[in-house]
Amino acid sequence: MGSGRPKADEPAAFPWDEAMAVGFGVLRLSPEAFWKMTPRELSGVLSPRRQAGAAAPSATGLFGLMRRFPDIDRQSP
């Protein structure tokens, strides 16, 4: 039986435990949504990075987004 570690000329195994922990625990994806992700989508989620030159929205921009995408249904009593 092998040691479970990759040899120097073999690529490391994909970290499925970590990927599932982020997908289910942090992102709260359903199993269906997680397993439908493409490798590129999964890679983007696991290694987020800001676009060069991307800045945080201004207060006005943030309030505009909050009006367009409210966290609660304002028509509920």
PDB file of N, CA and C in Angstrom:
ATOM      1  N   MET A   1       0.832  -1.183   0.000  1.00  0.00           N
ATOM      2  CA  MET A   1       0.000   0.000   0.000  1.00  0.00           C
ATOM      3  C   MET A   1       0.876   1.246   0.000  1.00  0.00           C
ATOM      4  N   GLY A   2       0.453   2.306  -0.726  1.00  0.00           N
ATOM      5  CA  GLY A   2       1.232   3.527  -0.798  1.00  0.00           C
ATOM      6  C   GLY A   2       0.997   4.423   0.409  1.00  0.00           C
ATOM      7  N   SER A   3       1.800   5.479   0.458  1.00  0.00           N
ATOM      8  CA  SER A   3       1.705   6.402   1.588  1.00  0.00           C
ATOM      9  C   SER A   3       0.552   7.383   1.452  1.00  0.00           C
ATOM     10  N   GLY A   4      -0.077   7.422   0.279  1.00  0.00           N
ATOM     11  CA  GLY A   4      -1.167   8.367   0.075  1.00  0.00           C
ATOM     12  C   GLY A   4      -0.683   9.728  -0.401  1.00  0.00           C
ATOM     13  N   ARG A   5       0.623   9.930  -0.385  1.00  0.00           N
ATOM     14  CA  ARG A   5       1.192  11.193  -0.844  1.00  0.00           C
ATOM     15  C   ARG A   5       1.590  11.062  -2.304  1.00  0.00           C
ATOM     16  N   PRO A   6       1.384  12.137  -3.091  1.00  0.00           N
ATOM     17  CA  PRO A   6       1.777  12.043  -4.498  1.00  0.00           C
ATOM     18  C   PRO A   6       3.292  11.985  -4.632  1.00  0.00           C
ATOM     19  N   LYS A   7       3.746  11.287  -5.647  1.00  0.00           N
ATOM     20  CA  LYS A   7       5.174  11.260  -5.948  1.00  0.00           C
ATOM     21  C   LYS A   7       5.556  12.602  -6.544  1.00  0.00           C
ATOM     22  N   ALA A   8       6.826  12.869  -6.610  1.00  0.00           N
ATOM     23  CA  ALA A   8       7.314  14.164  -7.087  1.00  0.00           C
ATOM     24  C   ALA A   8       6.826  14.481  -8.498  1.00  0.00           C
ATOM     25  N   ASP A   9       6.643  13.481  -9.327  1.00  0.00           N
ATOM     26  CA  ASP A   9       6.226  13.724 -10.711  1.00  0.00           C
ATOM     27  C   ASP A   9       4.717  13.617 -10.916  1.00  0.00           C
ATOM     28  N   GLU A  10       3.954  13.434  -9.837  1.00  0.00           N
ATOM     29  CA  GLU A  10       2.498  13.335  -9.932  1.00  0.00           C
ATOM     30  C   GLU A  10       1.846  14.603  -9.395  1.00  0.00           C
ATOM     31  N   PRO A  11       0.773  15.045 -10.024  1.00  0.00           N
ATOM     32  CA  PRO A  11       0.073  16.217  -9.483  1.00  0.00           C
ATOM     33  C   PRO A  11      -0.626  15.859  -8.177  1.00  0.00           C
ATOM     34  N   ALA A  12      -0.787  16.844  -7.329  1.00  0.00           N
ATOM     35  CA  ALA A  12      -1.492  16.624  -6.065  1.00  0.00           C
ATOM     36  C   ALA A  12      -2.963  16.355  -6.344  1.00  0.00           C
ATOM     37  N   ALA A  13      -3.584  15.589  -5.477  1.00  0.00           N
ATOM     38  CA  ALA A  13      -5.012  15.307  -5.614  1.00  0.00           C
ATOM     39  C   ALA A  13      -5.806  16.586  -5.374  1.00  0.00           C
ATOM     40  N   PHE A  14      -6.962  16.688  -6.023  1.00  0.00           N
ATOM     41  CA  PHE A  14      -7.809  17.861  -5.837  1.00  0.00           C
ATOM     42  C   PHE A  14      -8.336  17.881  -4.408  1.00  0.00           C
ATOM     43  N   PRO A  15      -8.323  19.041  -3.752  1.00  0.00           N
ATOM     44  CA  PRO A  15      -8.772  19.125  -2.348  1.00  0.00           C
ATOM     45  C   PRO A  15     -10.298  19.151  -2.222  1.00  0.00           C
ATOM     46  N   TRP A  16     -10.933  18.002  -2.446  1.00  0.00           N
ATOM     47  CA  TRP A  16     -12.390  17.950  -2.435  1.00  0.00           C
ATOM     48  C   TRP A  16     -12.982  18.330  -1.090  1.00  0.00           C
ATOM     49  N   ASP A  17     -12.344  17.917   0.002  1.00  0.00           N
ATOM     50  CA  ASP A  17     -12.886  18.253   1.327  1.00  0.00           C
ATOM     51  C   ASP A  17     -12.972  19.760   1.507  1.00  0.00           C
ATOM     52  N   GLU A  18     -11.914  20.472   1.124  1.00  0.00           N
ATOM     53  CA  GLU A  18     -11.910  21.927   1.257  1.00  0.00           C
ATOM     54  C   GLU A  18     -12.917  22.567   0.308  1.00  0.00           C
ATOM     55  N   ALA A  19     -12.991  22.060  -0.916  1.00  0.00           N
ATOM     56  CA  ALA A  19     -13.928  22.613  -1.896  1.00  0.00           C
ATOM     57  C   ALA A  19     -15.372  22.449  -1.421  1.00  0.00           C
ATOM     58  N   MET A  20     -15.688  21.275  -0.897  1.00  0.00           N
ATOM     59  CA  MET A  20     -17.048  21.044  -0.404  1.00  0.00           C
ATOM     60  C   MET A  20     -17.334  21.874   0.844  1.00  0.00           C
ATOM     61  N   ALA A  21     -16.326  22.052   1.706  1.00  0.00           N
ATOM     62  CA  ALA A  21     -16.524  22.875   2.902  1.00  0.00           C
ATOM     63  C   ALA A  21     -16.864  24.307   2.517  1.00  0.00           C
ATOM     64  N   VAL A  22     -16.171  24.845   1.523  1.00  0.00           N
ATOM     65  CA  VAL A  22     -16.462  26.210   1.068  1.00  0.00           C
ATOM     66  C   VAL A  22     -17.809  26.251   0.359  1.00  0.00           C
ATOM     67  N   GLY A  23     -18.041  25.311  -0.544  1.00  0.00           N
ATOM     68  CA  GLY A  23     -19.283  25.307  -1.318  1.00  0.00           C
ATOM     69  C   GLY A  23     -20.526  25.160  -0.466  1.00  0.00           C
ATOM     70  N   PHE A  24     -20.496  24.200   0.456  1.00  0.00           N
ATOM     71  CA  PHE A  24     -21.680  23.944   1.279  1.00  0.00           C
ATOM     72  C   PHE A  24     -21.720  24.833   2.524  1.00  0.00           C
ATOM     73  N   GLY A  25     -20.572  25.024   3.179  1.00  0.00           N
ATOM     74  CA  GLY A  25     -20.544  25.746   4.441  1.00  0.00           C
ATOM     75  C   GLY A  25     -20.513  27.254   4.295  1.00  0.00           C
ATOM     76  N   VAL A  26     -19.631  27.762   3.440  1.00  0.00           N
ATOM     77  CA  VAL A  26     -19.471  29.211   3.299  1.00  0.00           C
ATOM     78  C   VAL A  26     -20.466  29.777   2.296  1.00  0.00           C
ATOM     79  N   LEU A  27     -20.511  29.187   1.107  1.00  0.00           N
ATOM     80  CA  LEU A  27     -21.399  29.693   0.052  1.00  0.00           C
ATOM     81  C   LEU A  27     -22.836  29.204   0.202  1.00  0.00           C
ATOM     82  N   ARG A  28     -23.022  28.177   1.010  1.00  0.00           N
ATOM     83  CA  ARG A  28     -24.347  27.599   1.264  1.00  0.00           C
ATOM     84  C   ARG A  28     -25.040  27.139  -0.027  1.00  0.00           C
ATOM     85  N   LEU A  29     -24.241  26.544  -0.909  1.00  0.00           N
ATOM     86  CA  LEU A  29     -24.785  26.005  -2.153  1.00  0.00           C
ATOM     87  C   LEU A  29     -25.531  24.709  -1.866  1.00  0.00           C
ATOM     88  N   SER A  30     -26.548  24.447  -2.657  1.00  0.00           N
ATOM     89  CA  SER A  30     -27.206  23.144  -2.571  1.00  0.00           C
ATOM     90  C   SER A  30     -26.265  22.128  -3.220  1.00  0.00           C
ATOM     91  N   PRO A  31     -26.397  20.848  -2.871  1.00  0.00           N
ATOM     92  CA  PRO A  31     -25.564  19.846  -3.538  1.00  0.00           C
ATOM     93  C   PRO A  31     -25.721  19.903  -5.056  1.00  0.00           C
ATOM     94  N   GLU A  32     -26.943  20.109  -5.525  1.00  0.00           N
ATOM     95  CA  GLU A  32     -27.174  20.186  -6.970  1.00  0.00           C
ATOM     96  C   GLU A  32     -26.383  21.340  -7.591  1.00  0.00           C
ATOM     97  N   ALA A  33     -26.425  22.511  -6.971  1.00  0.00           N
ATOM     98  CA  ALA A  33     -25.706  23.675  -7.506  1.00  0.00           C
ATOM     99  C   ALA A  33     -24.196  23.453  -7.461  1.00  0.00           C
ATOM    100  N   PHE A  34     -23.715  22.862  -6.354  1.00  0.00           N
ATOM    101  CA  PHE A  34     -22.278  22.609  -6.231  1.00  0.00           C
ATOM    102  C   PHE A  34     -21.787  21.684  -7.336  1.00  0.00           C
ATOM    103  N   TRP A  35     -22.477  20.562  -7.532  1.00  0.00           N
ATOM    104  CA  TRP A  35     -21.997  19.570  -8.494  1.00  0.00           C
ATOM    105  C   TRP A  35     -22.240  19.986  -9.940  1.00  0.00           C
ATOM    106  N   LYS A  36     -23.074  21.002 -10.178  1.00  0.00           N
ATOM    107  CA  LYS A  36     -23.273  21.512 -11.535  1.00  0.00           C
ATOM    108  C   LYS A  36     -22.216  22.544 -11.930  1.00  0.00           C
ATOM    109  N   MET A  37     -21.435  23.025 -10.957  1.00  0.00           N
ATOM    110  CA  MET A  37     -20.424  24.031 -11.256  1.00  0.00           C
ATOM    111  C   MET A  37     -19.358  23.461 -12.180  1.00  0.00           C
ATOM    112  N   THR A  38     -18.873  24.305 -13.061  1.00  0.00           N
ATOM    113  CA  THR A  38     -17.764  23.901 -13.919  1.00  0.00           C
ATOM    114  C   THR A  38     -16.467  24.020 -13.130  1.00  0.00           C
ATOM    115  N   PRO A  39     -15.414  23.346 -13.558  1.00  0.00           N
ATOM    116  CA  PRO A  39     -14.128  23.511 -12.875  1.00  0.00           C
ATOM    117  C   PRO A  39     -13.670  24.973 -12.824  1.00  0.00           C
ATOM    118  N   ARG A  40     -13.939  25.724 -13.870  1.00  0.00           N
ATOM    119  CA  ARG A  40     -13.550  27.139 -13.882  1.00  0.00           C
ATOM    120  C   ARG A  40     -14.331  27.928 -12.829  1.00  0.00           C
ATOM    121  N   GLU A  41     -15.627  27.666 -12.714  1.00  0.00           N
ATOM    122  CA  GLU A  41     -16.442  28.346 -11.699  1.00  0.00           C
ATOM    123  C   GLU A  41     -15.962  27.984 -10.290  1.00  0.00           C
ATOM    124  N   LEU A  42     -15.706  26.716 -10.071  1.00  0.00           N
ATOM    125  CA  LEU A  42     -15.241  26.265  -8.770  1.00  0.00           C
ATOM    126  C   LEU A  42     -13.891  26.894  -8.437  1.00  0.00           C
ATOM    127  N   SER A  43     -13.007  26.950  -9.391  1.00  0.00           N
ATOM    128  CA  SER A  43     -11.704  27.567  -9.185  1.00  0.00           C
ATOM    129  C   SER A  43     -11.847  29.044  -8.836  1.00  0.00           C
ATOM    130  N   GLY A  44     -12.749  29.724  -9.522  1.00  0.00           N
ATOM    131  CA  GLY A  44     -12.971  31.139  -9.237  1.00  0.00           C
ATOM    132  C   GLY A  44     -13.501  31.378  -7.842  1.00  0.00           C
ATOM    133  N   VAL A  45     -14.323  30.472  -7.357  1.00  0.00           N
ATOM    134  CA  VAL A  45     -14.882  30.597  -6.008  1.00  0.00           C
ATOM    135  C   VAL A  45     -13.815  30.285  -4.957  1.00  0.00           C
ATOM    136  N   LEU A  46     -12.992  29.297  -5.225  1.00  0.00           N
ATOM    137  CA  LEU A  46     -11.986  28.893  -4.244  1.00  0.00           C
ATOM    138  C   LEU A  46     -10.810  29.849  -4.163  1.00  0.00           C
ATOM    139  N   SER A  47     -10.576  30.621  -5.203  1.00  0.00           N
ATOM    140  CA  SER A  47      -9.456  31.562  -5.184  1.00  0.00           C
ATOM    141  C   SER A  47      -9.928  32.931  -5.665  1.00  0.00           C
ATOM    142  N   PRO A  48     -10.783  33.574  -4.866  1.00  0.00           N
ATOM    143  CA  PRO A  48     -11.293  34.878  -5.309  1.00  0.00           C
ATOM    144  C   PRO A  48     -10.186  35.917  -5.337  1.00  0.00           C
ATOM    145  N   ARG A  49     -10.300  36.794  -6.281  1.00  0.00           N
ATOM    146  CA  ARG A  49      -9.346  37.889  -6.360  1.00  0.00           C
ATOM    147  C   ARG A  49     -10.056  39.081  -6.962  1.00  0.00           C
ATOM    148  N   ARG A  50      -9.668  40.235  -6.528  1.00  0.00           N
ATOM    149  CA  ARG A  50     -10.276  41.454  -7.042  1.00  0.00           C
ATOM    150  C   ARG A  50      -9.690  41.753  -8.411  1.00  0.00           C
ATOM    151  N   GLN A  51     -10.512  42.312  -9.253  1.00  0.00           N
ATOM    152  CA  GLN A  51     -10.035  42.728 -10.559  1.00  0.00           C
ATOM    153  C   GLN A  51      -9.103  43.912 -10.376  1.00  0.00           C
ATOM    154  N   ALA A  52      -8.089  43.980 -11.200  1.00  0.00           N
ATOM    155  CA  ALA A  52      -7.146  45.096 -11.117  1.00  0.00           C
ATOM    156  C   ALA A  52      -7.902  46.403 -11.302  1.00  0.00           C
ATOM    157  N   GLY A  53      -7.688  47.316 -10.392  1.00  0.00           N
ATOM    158  CA  GLY A  53      -8.316  48.620 -10.492  1.00  0.00           C
ATOM    159  C   GLY A  53      -9.746  48.670  -9.993  1.00  0.00           C
ATOM    160  N   ALA A  54     -10.293  47.546  -9.566  1.00  0.00           N
ATOM    161  CA  ALA A  54     -11.673  47.549  -9.079  1.00  0.00           C
ATOM    162  C   ALA A  54     -11.711  48.178  -7.692  1.00  0.00           C
ATOM    163  N   ALA A  55     -12.562  49.137  -7.532  1.00  0.00           N
ATOM    164  CA  ALA A  55     -12.676  49.828  -6.250  1.00  0.00           C
ATOM    165  C   ALA A  55     -14.021  49.502  -5.616  1.00  0.00           C
ATOM    166  N   ALA A  56     -14.096  49.696  -4.330  1.00  0.00           N
ATOM    167  CA  ALA A  56     -15.364  49.518  -3.628  1.00  0.00           C
ATOM    168  C   ALA A  56     -16.346  50.577  -4.121  1.00  0.00           C
ATOM    169  N   PRO A  57     -17.634  50.262  -4.131  1.00  0.00           N
ATOM    170  CA  PRO A  57     -18.596  51.261  -4.595  1.00  0.00           C
ATOM    171  C   PRO A  57     -18.655  52.452  -3.644  1.00  0.00           C
ATOM    172  N   SER A  58     -19.011  53.591  -4.193  1.00  0.00           N
ATOM    173  CA  SER A  58     -19.207  54.783  -3.359  1.00  0.00           C
ATOM    174  C   SER A  58     -20.457  54.582  -2.508  1.00  0.00           C
ATOM    175  N   ALA A  59     -20.668  55.458  -1.545  1.00  0.00           N
ATOM    176  CA  ALA A  59     -21.867  55.367  -0.706  1.00  0.00           C
ATOM    177  C   ALA A  59     -23.119  55.468  -1.559  1.00  0.00           C
ATOM    178  N   THR A  60     -23.111  56.381  -2.524  1.00  0.00           N
ATOM    179  CA  THR A  60     -24.269  56.541  -3.412  1.00  0.00           C
ATOM    180  C   THR A  60     -24.501  55.275  -4.222  1.00  0.00           C
ATOM    181  N   GLY A  61     -23.424  54.706  -4.748  1.00  0.00           N
ATOM    182  CA  GLY A  61     -23.547  53.466  -5.515  1.00  0.00           C
ATOM    183  C   GLY A  61     -24.040  52.320  -4.662  1.00  0.00           C
ATOM    184  N   LEU A  62     -23.537  52.240  -3.428  1.00  0.00           N
ATOM    185  CA  LEU A  62     -23.965  51.175  -2.518  1.00  0.00           C
ATOM    186  C   LEU A  62     -25.450  51.307  -2.181  1.00  0.00           C
ATOM    187  N   PHE A  63     -25.900  52.525  -1.879  1.00  0.00           N
ATOM    188  CA  PHE A  63     -27.323  52.719  -1.564  1.00  0.00           C
ATOM    189  C   PHE A  63     -28.199  52.406  -2.776  1.00  0.00           C
ATOM    190  N   GLY A  64     -27.722  52.734  -3.966  1.00  0.00           N
ATOM    191  CA  GLY A  64     -28.459  52.382  -5.180  1.00  0.00           C
ATOM    192  C   GLY A  64     -28.608  50.877  -5.326  1.00  0.00           C
ATOM    193  N   LEU A  65     -27.540  50.136  -5.057  1.00  0.00           N
ATOM    194  CA  LEU A  65     -27.605  48.671  -5.116  1.00  0.00           C
ATOM    195  C   LEU A  65     -28.547  48.121  -4.052  1.00  0.00           C
ATOM    196  N   MET A  66     -28.511  48.723  -2.865  1.00  0.00           N
ATOM    197  CA  MET A  66     -29.383  48.263  -1.785  1.00  0.00           C
ATOM    198  C   MET A  66     -30.854  48.486  -2.134  1.00  0.00           C
ATOM    199  N   ARG A  67     -31.153  49.567  -2.832  1.00  0.00           N
ATOM    200  CA  ARG A  67     -32.538  49.799  -3.264  1.00  0.00           C
ATOM    201  C   ARG A  67     -32.946  48.808  -4.348  1.00  0.00           C
ATOM    202  N   ARG A  68     -32.028  48.518  -5.262  1.00  0.00           N
ATOM    203  CA  ARG A  68     -32.346  47.595  -6.362  1.00  0.00           C
ATOM    204  C   ARG A  68     -32.443  46.153  -5.895  1.00  0.00           C
ATOM    205  N   PHE A  69     -31.648  45.785  -4.898  1.00  0.00           N
ATOM    206  CA  PHE A  69     -31.582  44.403  -4.441  1.00  0.00           C
ATOM    207  C   PHE A  69     -31.734  44.337  -2.918  1.00  0.00           C
ATOM    208  N   PRO A  70     -32.924  44.616  -2.406  1.00  0.00           N
ATOM    209  CA  PRO A  70     -33.115  44.618  -0.950  1.00  0.00           C
ATOM    210  C   PRO A  70     -32.971  43.213  -0.357  1.00  0.00           C
ATOM    211  N   ASP A  71     -32.542  43.176   0.891  1.00  0.00           N
ATOM    212  CA  ASP A  71     -32.386  41.897   1.591  1.00  0.00           C
ATOM    213  C   ASP A  71     -33.722  41.341   2.060  1.00  0.00           C
ATOM    214  N   ILE A  72     -34.707  42.199   2.209  1.00  0.00           N
ATOM    215  CA  ILE A  72     -36.017  41.751   2.689  1.00  0.00           C
ATOM    216  C   ILE A  72     -37.095  42.123   1.680  1.00  0.00           C
ATOM    217  N   ASP A  73     -38.198  41.421   1.763  1.00  0.00           N
ATOM    218  CA  ASP A  73     -39.346  41.745   0.925  1.00  0.00           C
ATOM    219  C   ASP A  73     -40.103  42.882   1.595  1.00  0.00           C
ATOM    220  N   ARG A  74     -40.042  44.067   1.047  1.00  0.00           N
ATOM    221  CA  ARG A  74     -40.633  45.233   1.680  1.00  0.00           C
ATOM    222  C   ARG A  74     -42.151  45.222   1.616  1.00  0.00           C
ATOM    223  N   GLN A  75     -42.768  44.304   0.867  1.00  0.00           N
ATOM    224  CA  GLN A  75     -44.218  44.264   0.784  1.00  0.00           C
ATOM    225  C   GLN A  75     -44.821  43.336   1.838  1.00  0.00           C
ATOM    226  N   SER A  76     -43.960  42.637   2.588  1.00  0.00           N
ATOM    227  CA  SER A  76     -44.470  41.768   3.654  1.00  0.00           C
ATOM    228  C   SER A  76     -44.833  42.627   4.853  1.00  0.00           C
ATOM    229  N   PRO A  77     -45.866  42.247   5.610  1.00  0.00           N
ATOM    230  CA  PRO A  77     -46.249  43.024   6.804  1.00  0.00           C
ATOM    231  C   PRO A  77     -45.208  42.940   7.895  1.00  0.00           C
TER     232      PRO A  77
END
